[in-house]
């Protein structure tokens, strides 16, 4: 699968790395169609998937994590549809405030799943492609370090927050820490995947090609695969036009950001986060 990322400076040395909203909406549409979730998996289904032969230990662990994540996602949707003013509705509103503080780079890394085998990078024509590639590599390397550290920290906090289970109220701290552990794990996986995609080493590209061969069931020439980079850098004069005569030292104004988001179908809130980061 090819993922598209739009890259452009938003303020000073701060750049925005955003994926189109259609890409993030593809997962729920594929899962249930029209935003309708499929029937929830049961413990019996989970056990059947784990006990079946031919699956490695990491794949079994990922199946367990996906099962828990599905349960959390359904619970979160239920909280969002609760009557306004109820306890569940207030918890949902509080959770949205917490989610608004998540760094936009984490959102990007979580979207680079194991199915992504190529990146289509759209960037201003006035920016050297090598600099764009270097920035992407920096995000991947730094993300791997940061999210690995926070993943370990979140896992260590789970036993502490589980003490609140004795209270008659929903254990919000426990579920928040559990959600953050899952998010950091997904971002860590995305960081490692992004490092592979932006690598200059053709030997690592062969890993991607081999996985594509297995998924497609077709054989290909390994010599040709070694020469095909999974990173496609596409300079855009149109994107340059949006940035022309803009004062990047003070940051892009909201009208310019709105125009770019409309043209490339980006989430304006995420783009503003990149601009307003300290």
Protein backbone atom coordinates (compact mmCIF):
# COMPACT_ATOMS: atom_id res chain seq x y z
CA UNK A 1 0.00 0.00 0.00
CA UNK A 2 1.24 3.49 -0.86
CA UNK A 3 0.76 6.31 1.65
CA UNK A 4 0.72 9.97 0.72
CA UNK A 5 2.30 12.64 2.95
CA UNK A 6 2.19 16.40 2.33
CA UNK A 7 5.22 18.30 3.66
CA UNK A 8 5.64 22.07 3.94
CA UNK A 9 7.10 24.64 6.39
CA UNK A 10 4.57 26.31 8.69
CA UNK A 11 6.68 28.48 10.99
CA UNK A 12 10.40 29.15 11.07
CA UNK A 13 12.14 25.76 11.07
CA UNK A 14 8.91 23.93 11.96
CA UNK A 15 7.48 21.78 9.18
CA UNK A 16 4.16 20.05 8.80
CA UNK A 17 3.96 16.36 7.87
CA UNK A 18 0.32 15.46 7.27
CA UNK A 19 -1.58 12.67 5.54
CA UNK A 20 -4.86 13.34 3.69
CA UNK A 21 -8.01 12.76 5.73
CA UNK A 22 -9.27 10.25 3.18
CA UNK A 23 -6.37 7.95 4.15
CA UNK A 24 -7.31 7.94 7.82
CA UNK A 25 -10.97 7.38 6.96
CA UNK A 26 -10.18 4.36 4.79
CA UNK A 27 -9.65 2.05 7.78
CA UNK A 28 -13.11 2.40 9.33
CA UNK A 29 -14.74 2.28 5.93
CA UNK A 30 -12.95 -0.95 5.13
CA UNK A 31 -13.75 -2.33 8.55
CA UNK A 32 -17.46 -1.95 8.43
CA UNK A 33 -18.52 0.25 5.55
CA UNK A 34 -20.24 3.61 6.08
CA UNK A 35 -18.67 3.84 9.55
CA UNK A 36 -20.62 0.80 10.83
CA UNK A 37 -18.48 -1.46 12.98
CA UNK A 38 -18.56 -5.22 12.35
CA UNK A 39 -19.71 -7.58 15.11
CA UNK A 40 -17.31 -7.50 18.07
CA UNK A 41 -14.78 -10.36 18.26
CA UNK A 42 -15.23 -12.75 21.16
CA UNK A 43 -12.67 -14.38 23.43
CA UNK A 44 -13.34 -17.60 21.57
CA UNK A 45 -12.36 -15.92 18.28
CA UNK A 46 -9.21 -14.55 19.90
CA UNK A 47 -8.22 -17.94 21.29
CA UNK A 48 -8.89 -19.60 17.94
CA UNK A 49 -6.58 -17.09 16.24
CA UNK A 50 -3.82 -17.49 18.82
CA UNK A 51 -4.01 -21.28 19.01
CA UNK A 52 -3.91 -21.74 15.24
CA UNK A 53 -0.55 -22.87 13.92
CA UNK A 54 1.70 -20.88 11.61
CA UNK A 55 1.64 -17.66 13.64
CA UNK A 56 4.75 -16.28 15.29
CA UNK A 57 4.86 -14.98 18.87
CA UNK A 58 4.85 -11.30 17.77
CA UNK A 59 1.82 -11.95 15.55
CA UNK A 60 -0.03 -13.58 18.45
CA UNK A 61 0.86 -10.65 20.73
CA UNK A 62 -0.41 -8.22 18.09
CA UNK A 63 -3.68 -10.17 17.86
CA UNK A 64 -4.17 -9.73 21.61
CA UNK A 65 -3.39 -6.01 21.42
CA UNK A 66 -5.79 -5.54 18.50
CA UNK A 67 -8.51 -7.39 20.44
CA UNK A 68 -8.10 -5.08 23.46
CA UNK A 69 -7.91 -2.01 21.19
CA UNK A 70 -11.17 -3.02 19.48
CA UNK A 71 -12.90 -3.31 22.86
CA UNK A 72 -11.59 0.14 23.89
CA UNK A 73 -12.67 1.67 20.58
CA UNK A 74 -16.21 0.34 20.94
CA UNK A 75 -16.40 1.60 24.52
CA UNK A 76 -15.19 5.03 23.39
CA UNK A 77 -17.84 5.19 20.65
CA UNK A 78 -20.45 4.26 23.24
CA UNK A 79 -19.30 7.09 25.50
CA UNK A 80 -19.55 9.53 22.60
CA UNK A 81 -23.14 8.53 21.84
CA UNK A 82 -24.25 8.82 25.49
CA UNK A 83 -26.89 11.46 26.38
CA UNK A 84 -25.46 14.94 26.90
CA UNK A 85 -24.85 15.73 30.56
CA UNK A 86 -24.43 12.10 31.58
CA UNK A 87 -21.28 10.77 33.22
CA UNK A 88 -20.22 8.97 30.04
CA UNK A 89 -20.70 12.14 27.99
CA UNK A 90 -18.55 14.13 30.42
CA UNK A 91 -15.83 11.49 30.32
CA UNK A 92 -15.92 11.60 26.52
CA UNK A 93 -15.55 15.40 26.51
CA UNK A 94 -12.66 15.21 28.97
CA UNK A 95 -11.00 12.54 26.81
CA UNK A 96 -11.28 14.77 23.74
CA UNK A 97 -9.45 17.54 25.61
CA UNK A 98 -6.67 15.11 26.49
CA UNK A 99 -6.46 13.85 22.91
CA UNK A 100 -6.12 17.41 21.61
CA UNK A 101 -2.78 17.59 23.44
CA UNK A 102 -1.31 14.64 21.53
CA UNK A 103 1.56 15.76 19.31
CA UNK A 104 0.76 15.67 15.56
CA UNK A 105 3.92 13.67 14.81
CA UNK A 106 2.43 10.80 16.83
CA UNK A 107 -0.67 10.87 14.63
CA UNK A 108 1.55 10.65 11.54
CA UNK A 109 3.62 7.75 12.88
CA UNK A 110 0.52 5.78 13.90
CA UNK A 111 -0.80 6.10 10.34
CA UNK A 112 2.34 4.45 8.89
CA UNK A 113 1.17 0.89 9.43
CA UNK A 114 2.91 -2.36 8.49
CA UNK A 115 0.84 -2.43 5.27
CA UNK A 116 2.55 0.72 3.96
CA UNK A 117 5.22 -0.34 1.46
CA UNK A 118 5.78 3.00 -0.30
CA UNK A 119 5.56 6.72 0.47
CA UNK A 120 4.45 9.45 -1.91
CA UNK A 121 5.86 12.72 -0.53
CA UNK A 122 4.48 16.01 -1.87
CA UNK A 123 6.68 18.98 -0.95
CA UNK A 124 7.30 22.57 -2.20
CA UNK A 125 9.46 22.64 -5.33
CA UNK A 126 11.72 25.25 -3.72
CA UNK A 127 12.87 22.79 -1.03
CA UNK A 128 15.68 20.34 -1.72
CA UNK A 129 14.32 16.75 -1.75
CA UNK A 130 17.36 15.61 0.25
CA UNK A 131 16.37 17.98 3.05
CA UNK A 132 12.83 16.56 3.02
CA UNK A 133 14.20 13.03 3.27
CA UNK A 134 16.51 14.06 6.11
CA UNK A 135 13.59 15.58 8.04
CA UNK A 136 11.54 12.40 7.60
CA UNK A 137 14.43 10.30 8.85
CA UNK A 138 14.79 12.58 11.87
CA UNK A 139 11.09 12.16 12.73
CA UNK A 140 11.43 8.37 12.43
CA UNK A 141 14.57 8.09 14.57
CA UNK A 142 13.38 10.53 17.23
CA UNK A 143 9.92 8.95 17.27
CA UNK A 144 11.38 5.49 17.87
CA UNK A 145 13.37 6.78 20.84
CA UNK A 146 10.57 8.86 22.38
CA UNK A 147 7.72 6.39 21.97
CA UNK A 148 9.79 3.45 23.19
CA UNK A 149 10.53 5.37 26.38
CA UNK A 150 6.91 6.41 26.91
CA UNK A 151 5.68 2.92 26.08
CA UNK A 152 7.77 1.46 28.89
CA UNK A 153 6.61 4.22 31.23
CA UNK A 154 2.93 3.63 30.41
CA UNK A 155 3.26 -0.12 30.93
CA UNK A 156 4.89 0.49 34.33
CA UNK A 157 1.99 2.75 35.34
CA UNK A 158 -0.69 0.17 34.52
CA UNK A 159 -0.35 -1.78 37.83
CA UNK A 160 -0.46 1.50 39.78
CA UNK A 161 -3.62 2.79 38.12
CA UNK A 162 -5.32 -0.62 38.38
CA UNK A 163 -5.63 0.01 42.15
CA UNK A 164 -8.50 2.41 41.40
CA UNK A 165 -10.61 -0.55 40.23
CA UNK A 166 -11.94 -0.83 43.79
CA UNK A 167 -13.79 2.48 43.40
CA UNK A 168 -17.43 2.41 42.20
CA UNK A 169 -16.60 4.91 39.42
CA UNK A 170 -15.06 4.12 36.00
CA UNK A 171 -11.30 3.71 36.33
CA UNK A 172 -10.42 6.57 33.97
CA UNK A 173 -6.68 6.71 34.87
CA UNK A 174 -6.23 3.00 34.08
CA UNK A 175 -7.98 3.13 30.70
CA UNK A 176 -6.19 6.36 29.75
CA UNK A 177 -2.77 4.85 30.56
CA UNK A 178 -3.77 1.68 28.69
CA UNK A 179 -4.79 3.73 25.66
CA UNK A 180 -1.54 5.73 25.78
CA UNK A 181 0.48 2.51 25.97
CA UNK A 182 -1.32 1.25 22.88
CA UNK A 183 -0.79 4.57 21.06
CA UNK A 184 2.93 4.64 21.87
CA UNK A 185 3.25 1.04 20.70
CA UNK A 186 1.58 1.85 17.38
CA UNK A 187 3.72 5.01 16.99
CA UNK A 188 6.85 2.96 17.72
CA UNK A 189 5.90 0.49 15.01
CA UNK A 190 5.25 3.40 12.64
CA UNK A 191 8.65 4.92 13.47
CA UNK A 192 10.42 1.67 12.64
CA UNK A 193 8.43 1.35 9.43
CA UNK A 194 9.20 4.93 8.42
CA UNK A 195 12.92 4.38 9.05
CA UNK A 196 12.75 1.46 6.64
CA UNK A 197 10.94 3.50 4.00
CA UNK A 198 13.31 6.48 4.07
CA UNK A 199 16.46 4.38 4.30
CA UNK A 200 19.18 4.78 1.66
CA UNK A 201 20.05 1.09 1.94
CA UNK A 202 18.73 -0.98 -0.96
CA UNK A 203 19.07 -4.14 1.14
CA UNK A 204 16.29 -2.89 3.39
CA UNK A 205 14.10 -2.14 0.36
CA UNK A 206 14.35 -5.84 -0.51
CA UNK A 207 12.49 -6.59 2.74
CA UNK A 208 9.58 -4.47 1.55
CA UNK A 209 9.61 -6.07 -1.90
CA UNK A 210 9.72 -9.54 -0.38
CA UNK A 211 6.63 -8.77 1.72
CA UNK A 212 4.83 -7.46 -1.35
CA UNK A 213 5.70 -10.66 -3.22
CA UNK A 214 4.28 -12.78 -0.39
CA UNK A 215 1.05 -10.74 -0.23
CA UNK A 216 0.59 -10.74 -4.02
CA UNK A 217 1.83 -14.28 -4.62
CA UNK A 218 4.02 -13.10 -7.50
CA UNK A 219 7.74 -13.47 -8.06
CA UNK A 220 9.80 -10.51 -9.19
CA UNK A 221 13.36 -9.76 -10.18
CA UNK A 222 15.44 -9.02 -7.03
CA UNK A 223 17.88 -6.90 -9.05
CA UNK A 224 15.07 -4.62 -10.15
CA UNK A 225 13.64 -4.45 -6.61
CA UNK A 226 16.95 -3.27 -5.21
CA UNK A 227 16.86 -0.27 -7.54
CA UNK A 228 13.28 0.79 -6.77
CA UNK A 229 13.13 3.16 -3.81
CA UNK A 230 9.89 3.03 -1.77
CA UNK A 231 10.15 6.82 -1.33
CA UNK A 232 8.72 8.96 -4.15
CA UNK A 233 9.55 12.66 -3.66
CA UNK A 234 7.28 14.89 -5.77
CA UNK A 235 8.08 18.64 -5.89
CA UNK A 236 4.93 20.74 -6.19
CA UNK A 237 4.89 24.22 -7.69
CA UNK A 238 1.28 24.59 -6.59
CA UNK A 239 2.33 24.14 -2.97
CA UNK A 240 5.09 26.67 -3.55
CA UNK A 241 2.44 29.13 -4.72
CA UNK A 242 0.62 28.92 -1.37
CA UNK A 243 3.84 29.70 0.49
CA UNK A 244 5.03 32.48 -1.83
CA UNK A 245 5.49 35.87 -0.14
CA UNK A 246 4.43 34.42 3.23
CA UNK A 247 6.31 35.37 6.39
CA UNK A 248 7.33 31.97 7.73
CA UNK A 249 9.15 33.52 10.68
CA UNK A 250 5.78 34.49 12.17
CA UNK A 251 4.03 31.39 10.86
CA UNK A 252 1.48 30.79 8.13
CA UNK A 253 -1.81 32.60 8.61
CA UNK A 254 -5.04 30.66 9.06
CA UNK A 255 -6.32 31.55 5.58
CA UNK A 256 -3.23 30.09 3.90
CA UNK A 257 -3.43 26.95 6.03
CA UNK A 258 -7.13 26.59 5.22
CA UNK A 259 -6.37 26.84 1.49
CA UNK A 260 -3.63 24.21 1.70
CA UNK A 261 -5.86 21.88 3.74
CA UNK A 262 -8.68 22.26 1.25
CA UNK A 263 -6.41 21.59 -1.72
CA UNK A 264 -4.75 18.48 -0.23
CA UNK A 265 -7.61 17.29 2.03
CA UNK A 266 -5.65 17.76 5.28
CA UNK A 267 -6.92 18.10 8.83
CA UNK A 268 -6.58 21.79 9.72
CA UNK A 269 -6.39 21.08 13.45
CA UNK A 270 -3.33 18.86 12.98
CA UNK A 271 -1.64 21.44 10.73
CA UNK A 272 -2.25 24.18 13.30
CA UNK A 273 -0.67 21.95 15.95
CA UNK A 274 2.55 21.85 13.92
CA UNK A 275 2.52 25.65 13.65
CA UNK A 276 1.75 26.29 17.31
CA UNK A 277 4.16 23.77 18.83
CA UNK A 278 6.51 25.39 21.40
